[in-house]
Amino acid sequence: MLNQQQALGAFGALSQETRLHIVRMLVVAGPEGMAAGLIAERAGVSASNISFHLKELEHSGLVFQQRESRSIIYRANIEVLGDLVRFLMEDCCAGHPEICAPAIEVAACCAPAAAKA
């Protein structure tokens, strides 16, 4: 579970348009992740610029990298992203669960099939 300082770091990293776009791309890419060059191409930024943004995202814990052959593959850290959502929602509802229902429904779309049943 994230503490307030970690959440602030993650939100700070996400508060920049290119970095938010990168995280969303990596979430869509799933466990396969994406090579840094492809991320730069799809984000429409230079290699040095993408390196800066990826470093910020990695520092915040939102993404991680893994070397595969001559490429560096970046993946969204789904656990940290989930912790960030939980951090936002942990005091939700104040005894009124209907308030949080829309957020729970959105999160449920990503649950494994066995968990949905």
N, C-alpha and C. Protein backbone atom coordinates (compact mmCIF):
# COMPACT_ATOMS: atom_id res chain seq x y z
N MET A 1 0.84 -1.18 0.00
CA MET A 1 0.00 0.00 0.00
C MET A 1 0.89 1.25 0.00
N LEU A 2 0.51 2.22 -0.78
CA LEU A 2 1.28 3.45 -0.87
C LEU A 2 1.04 4.34 0.34
N ASN A 3 2.08 5.06 0.74
CA ASN A 3 1.88 6.09 1.75
C ASN A 3 1.67 7.43 1.02
N GLN A 4 1.38 8.47 1.75
CA GLN A 4 1.05 9.76 1.13
C GLN A 4 2.22 10.29 0.29
N GLN A 5 3.44 10.15 0.77
CA GLN A 5 4.61 10.64 0.02
C GLN A 5 4.76 9.92 -1.31
N GLN A 6 4.58 8.60 -1.32
CA GLN A 6 4.67 7.83 -2.56
C GLN A 6 3.55 8.21 -3.52
N ALA A 7 2.36 8.42 -3.00
CA ALA A 7 1.22 8.82 -3.84
C ALA A 7 1.50 10.19 -4.47
N LEU A 8 2.04 11.10 -3.69
CA LEU A 8 2.37 12.43 -4.24
C LEU A 8 3.40 12.32 -5.35
N GLY A 9 4.39 11.46 -5.17
CA GLY A 9 5.40 11.25 -6.22
C GLY A 9 4.78 10.69 -7.49
N ALA A 10 3.87 9.74 -7.35
CA ALA A 10 3.21 9.14 -8.51
C ALA A 10 2.32 10.16 -9.20
N PHE A 11 1.55 10.91 -8.42
CA PHE A 11 0.69 11.92 -9.03
C PHE A 11 1.51 13.02 -9.70
N GLY A 12 2.65 13.35 -9.09
CA GLY A 12 3.54 14.34 -9.70
C GLY A 12 4.04 13.87 -11.05
N ALA A 13 4.42 12.60 -11.12
CA ALA A 13 4.90 12.05 -12.39
C ALA A 13 3.79 12.02 -13.43
N LEU A 14 2.58 11.72 -13.02
CA LEU A 14 1.45 11.64 -13.94
C LEU A 14 0.89 13.00 -14.34
N SER A 15 1.32 14.05 -13.66
CA SER A 15 0.76 15.37 -13.93
C SER A 15 1.33 16.03 -15.18
N GLN A 16 2.18 15.32 -15.88
CA GLN A 16 2.76 15.83 -17.12
C GLN A 16 2.15 15.05 -18.28
N GLU A 17 1.72 15.75 -19.32
CA GLU A 17 0.95 15.15 -20.42
C GLU A 17 1.65 13.95 -21.08
N THR A 18 2.93 14.08 -21.41
CA THR A 18 3.64 13.00 -22.09
C THR A 18 3.75 11.77 -21.19
N ARG A 19 4.04 11.99 -19.92
CA ARG A 19 4.17 10.85 -19.00
C ARG A 19 2.83 10.15 -18.78
N LEU A 20 1.76 10.90 -18.68
CA LEU A 20 0.45 10.28 -18.55
C LEU A 20 0.14 9.44 -19.79
N HIS A 21 0.47 9.97 -20.96
CA HIS A 21 0.26 9.25 -22.22
C HIS A 21 1.09 7.96 -22.24
N ILE A 22 2.31 8.02 -21.78
CA ILE A 22 3.19 6.84 -21.75
C ILE A 22 2.60 5.76 -20.84
N VAL A 23 2.17 6.14 -19.65
CA VAL A 23 1.60 5.15 -18.72
C VAL A 23 0.38 4.51 -19.33
N ARG A 24 -0.47 5.30 -19.95
CA ARG A 24 -1.67 4.74 -20.57
C ARG A 24 -1.30 3.79 -21.71
N MET A 25 -0.29 4.13 -22.50
CA MET A 25 0.16 3.23 -23.57
C MET A 25 0.66 1.92 -22.99
N LEU A 26 1.42 2.00 -21.91
CA LEU A 26 1.99 0.80 -21.31
C LEU A 26 0.91 -0.06 -20.66
N VAL A 27 -0.12 0.56 -20.12
CA VAL A 27 -1.23 -0.22 -19.57
C VAL A 27 -1.91 -1.00 -20.70
N VAL A 28 -2.12 -0.35 -21.83
CA VAL A 28 -2.74 -1.01 -22.99
C VAL A 28 -1.83 -2.13 -23.50
N ALA A 29 -0.52 -1.89 -23.51
CA ALA A 29 0.43 -2.89 -24.01
C ALA A 29 0.43 -4.15 -23.15
N GLY A 30 0.07 -4.02 -21.89
CA GLY A 30 0.00 -5.17 -21.00
C GLY A 30 1.36 -5.73 -20.65
N PRO A 31 1.41 -7.01 -20.30
CA PRO A 31 2.66 -7.62 -19.83
C PRO A 31 3.77 -7.64 -20.87
N GLU A 32 3.44 -7.54 -22.15
CA GLU A 32 4.48 -7.53 -23.18
C GLU A 32 5.30 -6.25 -23.13
N GLY A 33 4.70 -5.15 -22.65
CA GLY A 33 5.39 -3.88 -22.57
C GLY A 33 5.74 -3.33 -23.94
N MET A 34 6.61 -2.35 -23.95
CA MET A 34 7.02 -1.70 -25.19
C MET A 34 8.48 -1.28 -25.09
N ALA A 35 9.16 -1.36 -26.22
CA ALA A 35 10.54 -0.89 -26.29
C ALA A 35 10.56 0.63 -26.23
N ALA A 36 11.61 1.17 -25.66
CA ALA A 36 11.73 2.62 -25.51
C ALA A 36 11.58 3.35 -26.84
N GLY A 37 12.17 2.82 -27.89
CA GLY A 37 12.08 3.46 -29.20
C GLY A 37 10.66 3.54 -29.72
N LEU A 38 9.89 2.48 -29.51
CA LEU A 38 8.50 2.47 -29.94
C LEU A 38 7.67 3.45 -29.12
N ILE A 39 7.96 3.52 -27.83
CA ILE A 39 7.26 4.48 -26.97
C ILE A 39 7.53 5.90 -27.47
N ALA A 40 8.79 6.19 -27.78
CA ALA A 40 9.14 7.53 -28.27
C ALA A 40 8.41 7.83 -29.57
N GLU A 41 8.39 6.87 -30.47
CA GLU A 41 7.72 7.04 -31.76
C GLU A 41 6.24 7.32 -31.57
N ARG A 42 5.58 6.51 -30.76
CA ARG A 42 4.13 6.67 -30.56
C ARG A 42 3.79 7.92 -29.77
N ALA A 43 4.69 8.34 -28.89
CA ALA A 43 4.45 9.56 -28.11
C ALA A 43 4.83 10.81 -28.90
N GLY A 44 5.57 10.61 -29.99
CA GLY A 44 5.97 11.73 -30.82
C GLY A 44 7.04 12.61 -30.20
N VAL A 45 7.96 11.97 -29.48
CA VAL A 45 9.04 12.72 -28.84
C VAL A 45 10.39 12.09 -29.19
N SER A 46 11.45 12.84 -28.96
CA SER A 46 12.80 12.36 -29.28
C SER A 46 13.25 11.29 -28.30
N ALA A 47 14.29 10.57 -28.67
CA ALA A 47 14.84 9.52 -27.81
C ALA A 47 15.33 10.09 -26.48
N SER A 48 15.99 11.24 -26.50
CA SER A 48 16.48 11.82 -25.25
C SER A 48 15.32 12.28 -24.38
N ASN A 49 14.29 12.80 -25.02
CA ASN A 49 13.12 13.27 -24.28
C ASN A 49 12.38 12.09 -23.65
N ILE A 50 12.23 11.00 -24.38
CA ILE A 50 11.51 9.84 -23.84
C ILE A 50 12.31 9.23 -22.68
N SER A 51 13.61 9.26 -22.79
CA SER A 51 14.47 8.75 -21.72
C SER A 51 14.22 9.52 -20.42
N PHE A 52 14.12 10.83 -20.52
CA PHE A 52 13.84 11.68 -19.35
C PHE A 52 12.50 11.30 -18.72
N HIS A 53 11.46 11.17 -19.56
CA HIS A 53 10.13 10.86 -19.04
C HIS A 53 10.07 9.46 -18.44
N LEU A 54 10.69 8.49 -19.09
CA LEU A 54 10.70 7.13 -18.56
C LEU A 54 11.44 7.05 -17.23
N LYS A 55 12.52 7.81 -17.11
CA LYS A 55 13.26 7.84 -15.85
C LYS A 55 12.39 8.39 -14.73
N GLU A 56 11.63 9.44 -15.01
CA GLU A 56 10.72 10.01 -14.00
C GLU A 56 9.65 9.00 -13.60
N LEU A 57 9.09 8.32 -14.58
CA LEU A 57 8.05 7.32 -14.29
C LEU A 57 8.61 6.13 -13.52
N GLU A 58 9.82 5.74 -13.87
CA GLU A 58 10.46 4.63 -13.16
C GLU A 58 10.77 5.03 -11.72
N HIS A 59 11.26 6.24 -11.54
CA HIS A 59 11.57 6.74 -10.20
C HIS A 59 10.32 6.76 -9.31
N SER A 60 9.17 7.06 -9.90
CA SER A 60 7.92 7.10 -9.13
C SER A 60 7.35 5.71 -8.88
N GLY A 61 7.91 4.69 -9.56
CA GLY A 61 7.45 3.32 -9.38
C GLY A 61 6.31 2.93 -10.32
N LEU A 62 5.91 3.83 -11.20
CA LEU A 62 4.77 3.55 -12.08
C LEU A 62 5.13 2.65 -13.25
N VAL A 63 6.40 2.62 -13.63
CA VAL A 63 6.85 1.73 -14.70
C VAL A 63 8.15 1.06 -14.26
N PHE A 64 8.48 -0.04 -14.90
CA PHE A 64 9.77 -0.67 -14.68
C PHE A 64 10.32 -1.12 -16.02
N GLN A 65 11.60 -1.34 -16.04
CA GLN A 65 12.26 -1.74 -17.28
C GLN A 65 12.93 -3.09 -17.13
N GLN A 66 13.11 -3.73 -18.29
CA GLN A 66 13.82 -5.01 -18.32
C GLN A 66 14.55 -5.08 -19.66
N ARG A 67 15.81 -5.43 -19.57
CA ARG A 67 16.59 -5.57 -20.80
C ARG A 67 16.25 -6.90 -21.45
N GLU A 68 15.94 -6.84 -22.74
CA GLU A 68 15.69 -8.04 -23.54
C GLU A 68 16.52 -7.91 -24.80
N SER A 69 17.60 -8.68 -24.85
CA SER A 69 18.55 -8.61 -25.95
C SER A 69 19.13 -7.21 -26.00
N ARG A 70 18.97 -6.51 -27.10
CA ARG A 70 19.51 -5.16 -27.21
C ARG A 70 18.47 -4.07 -26.93
N SER A 71 17.29 -4.48 -26.55
CA SER A 71 16.22 -3.51 -26.27
C SER A 71 15.97 -3.40 -24.78
N ILE A 72 15.47 -2.26 -24.38
CA ILE A 72 14.98 -2.08 -23.02
C ILE A 72 13.46 -2.00 -23.14
N ILE A 73 12.79 -2.94 -22.48
CA ILE A 73 11.34 -3.00 -22.53
C ILE A 73 10.78 -2.38 -21.25
N TYR A 74 9.82 -1.50 -21.44
CA TYR A 74 9.17 -0.85 -20.30
C TYR A 74 7.77 -1.43 -20.15
N ARG A 75 7.38 -1.60 -18.89
CA ARG A 75 6.06 -2.12 -18.57
C ARG A 75 5.44 -1.26 -17.47
N ALA A 76 4.13 -1.13 -17.52
CA ALA A 76 3.42 -0.44 -16.44
C ALA A 76 3.50 -1.32 -15.19
N ASN A 77 3.70 -0.69 -14.05
CA ASN A 77 3.69 -1.42 -12.79
C ASN A 77 2.24 -1.44 -12.29
N ILE A 78 1.52 -2.45 -12.70
CA ILE A 78 0.09 -2.55 -12.42
C ILE A 78 -0.17 -2.58 -10.92
N GLU A 79 0.70 -3.19 -10.16
CA GLU A 79 0.53 -3.24 -8.71
C GLU A 79 0.54 -1.83 -8.11
N VAL A 80 1.49 -1.01 -8.53
CA VAL A 80 1.58 0.36 -8.01
C VAL A 80 0.39 1.19 -8.49
N LEU A 81 -0.01 1.01 -9.75
CA LEU A 81 -1.18 1.74 -10.25
C LEU A 81 -2.43 1.35 -9.44
N GLY A 82 -2.57 0.07 -9.13
CA GLY A 82 -3.69 -0.38 -8.30
C GLY A 82 -3.61 0.21 -6.90
N ASP A 83 -2.41 0.27 -6.34
CA ASP A 83 -2.24 0.88 -5.02
C ASP A 83 -2.61 2.36 -5.04
N LEU A 84 -2.32 3.02 -6.15
CA LEU A 84 -2.65 4.44 -6.29
C LEU A 84 -4.18 4.63 -6.29
N VAL A 85 -4.88 3.77 -6.99
CA VAL A 85 -6.34 3.82 -7.00
C VAL A 85 -6.88 3.52 -5.60
N ARG A 86 -6.31 2.49 -4.95
CA ARG A 86 -6.75 2.16 -3.59
C ARG A 86 -6.49 3.32 -2.64
N PHE A 87 -5.34 4.00 -2.79
CA PHE A 87 -5.02 5.15 -1.95
C PHE A 87 -6.12 6.22 -2.08
N LEU A 88 -6.55 6.46 -3.32
CA LEU A 88 -7.59 7.46 -3.54
C LEU A 88 -8.93 7.04 -2.96
N MET A 89 -9.22 5.76 -3.02
CA MET A 89 -10.54 5.26 -2.66
C MET A 89 -10.64 4.71 -1.23
N GLU A 90 -9.54 4.67 -0.48
CA GLU A 90 -9.56 3.95 0.78
C GLU A 90 -10.54 4.52 1.80
N ASP A 91 -10.82 5.78 1.77
CA ASP A 91 -11.77 6.36 2.71
C ASP A 91 -13.10 6.71 2.04
N CYS A 92 -13.33 6.10 0.90
CA CYS A 92 -14.51 6.42 0.09
C CYS A 92 -15.80 5.99 0.77
N CYS A 93 -16.81 6.70 0.49
CA CYS A 93 -18.19 6.33 0.75
C CYS A 93 -18.76 6.84 2.07
N ALA A 94 -17.99 6.88 3.13
CA ALA A 94 -18.50 7.32 4.43
C ALA A 94 -19.83 6.64 4.76
N GLY A 95 -19.88 5.34 4.53
CA GLY A 95 -21.09 4.59 4.83
C GLY A 95 -22.12 4.60 3.72
N HIS A 96 -21.75 5.11 2.54
CA HIS A 96 -22.66 5.17 1.39
C HIS A 96 -22.00 4.47 0.20
N PRO A 97 -22.04 3.13 0.15
CA PRO A 97 -21.33 2.39 -0.90
C PRO A 97 -21.78 2.72 -2.32
N GLU A 98 -22.98 3.24 -2.49
CA GLU A 98 -23.44 3.60 -3.83
C GLU A 98 -22.58 4.70 -4.46
N ILE A 99 -21.92 5.48 -3.65
CA ILE A 99 -21.05 6.55 -4.16
C ILE A 99 -19.87 5.95 -4.92
N CYS A 100 -19.33 4.85 -4.42
CA CYS A 100 -18.14 4.24 -5.02
C CYS A 100 -18.47 3.21 -6.10
N ALA A 101 -19.74 2.89 -6.27
CA ALA A 101 -20.13 1.85 -7.23
C ALA A 101 -19.58 2.07 -8.63
N PRO A 102 -19.65 3.29 -9.19
CA PRO A 102 -19.11 3.48 -10.55
C PRO A 102 -17.61 3.15 -10.65
N ALA A 103 -16.85 3.53 -9.64
CA ALA A 103 -15.42 3.24 -9.66
C ALA A 103 -15.16 1.74 -9.55
N ILE A 104 -15.95 1.06 -8.75
CA ILE A 104 -15.80 -0.39 -8.60
C ILE A 104 -16.14 -1.09 -9.91
N GLU A 105 -17.16 -0.62 -10.60
CA GLU A 105 -17.54 -1.20 -11.89
C GLU A 105 -16.43 -1.05 -12.91
N VAL A 106 -15.78 0.11 -12.94
CA VAL A 106 -14.67 0.34 -13.87
C VAL A 106 -13.53 -0.62 -13.55
N ALA A 107 -13.19 -0.74 -12.29
CA ALA A 107 -12.10 -1.64 -11.89
C ALA A 107 -12.43 -3.09 -12.19
N ALA A 108 -13.70 -3.46 -12.09
CA ALA A 108 -14.12 -4.84 -12.33
C ALA A 108 -13.90 -5.27 -13.78
N CYS A 109 -13.88 -4.32 -14.70
CA CYS A 109 -13.69 -4.69 -16.12
C CYS A 109 -12.33 -5.34 -16.34
N CYS A 110 -11.39 -5.09 -15.47
CA CYS A 110 -10.05 -5.63 -15.64
C CYS A 110 -9.80 -6.88 -14.81
N ALA A 111 -10.78 -7.30 -14.04
CA ALA A 111 -10.58 -8.46 -13.18
C ALA A 111 -10.51 -9.72 -14.03
N PRO A 112 -9.71 -10.70 -13.61
CA PRO A 112 -9.65 -11.97 -14.34
C PRO A 112 -11.04 -12.61 -14.39
N ALA A 113 -11.30 -13.40 -15.40
CA ALA A 113 -12.61 -14.02 -15.61
C ALA A 113 -13.07 -14.82 -14.38
N ALA A 114 -12.17 -15.53 -13.74
CA ALA A 114 -12.54 -16.32 -12.56
C ALA A 114 -13.01 -15.43 -11.42
N ALA A 115 -12.41 -14.26 -11.27
CA ALA A 115 -12.79 -13.35 -10.19
C ALA A 115 -14.14 -12.70 -10.47
N LYS A 116 -14.49 -12.54 -11.75
CA LYS A 116 -15.76 -11.92 -12.10
C LYS A 116 -16.94 -12.85 -11.83
N ALA A 117 -16.71 -14.15 -11.94
CA ALA A 117 -17.81 -15.13 -11.80
C ALA A 117 -18.28 -15.28 -10.38
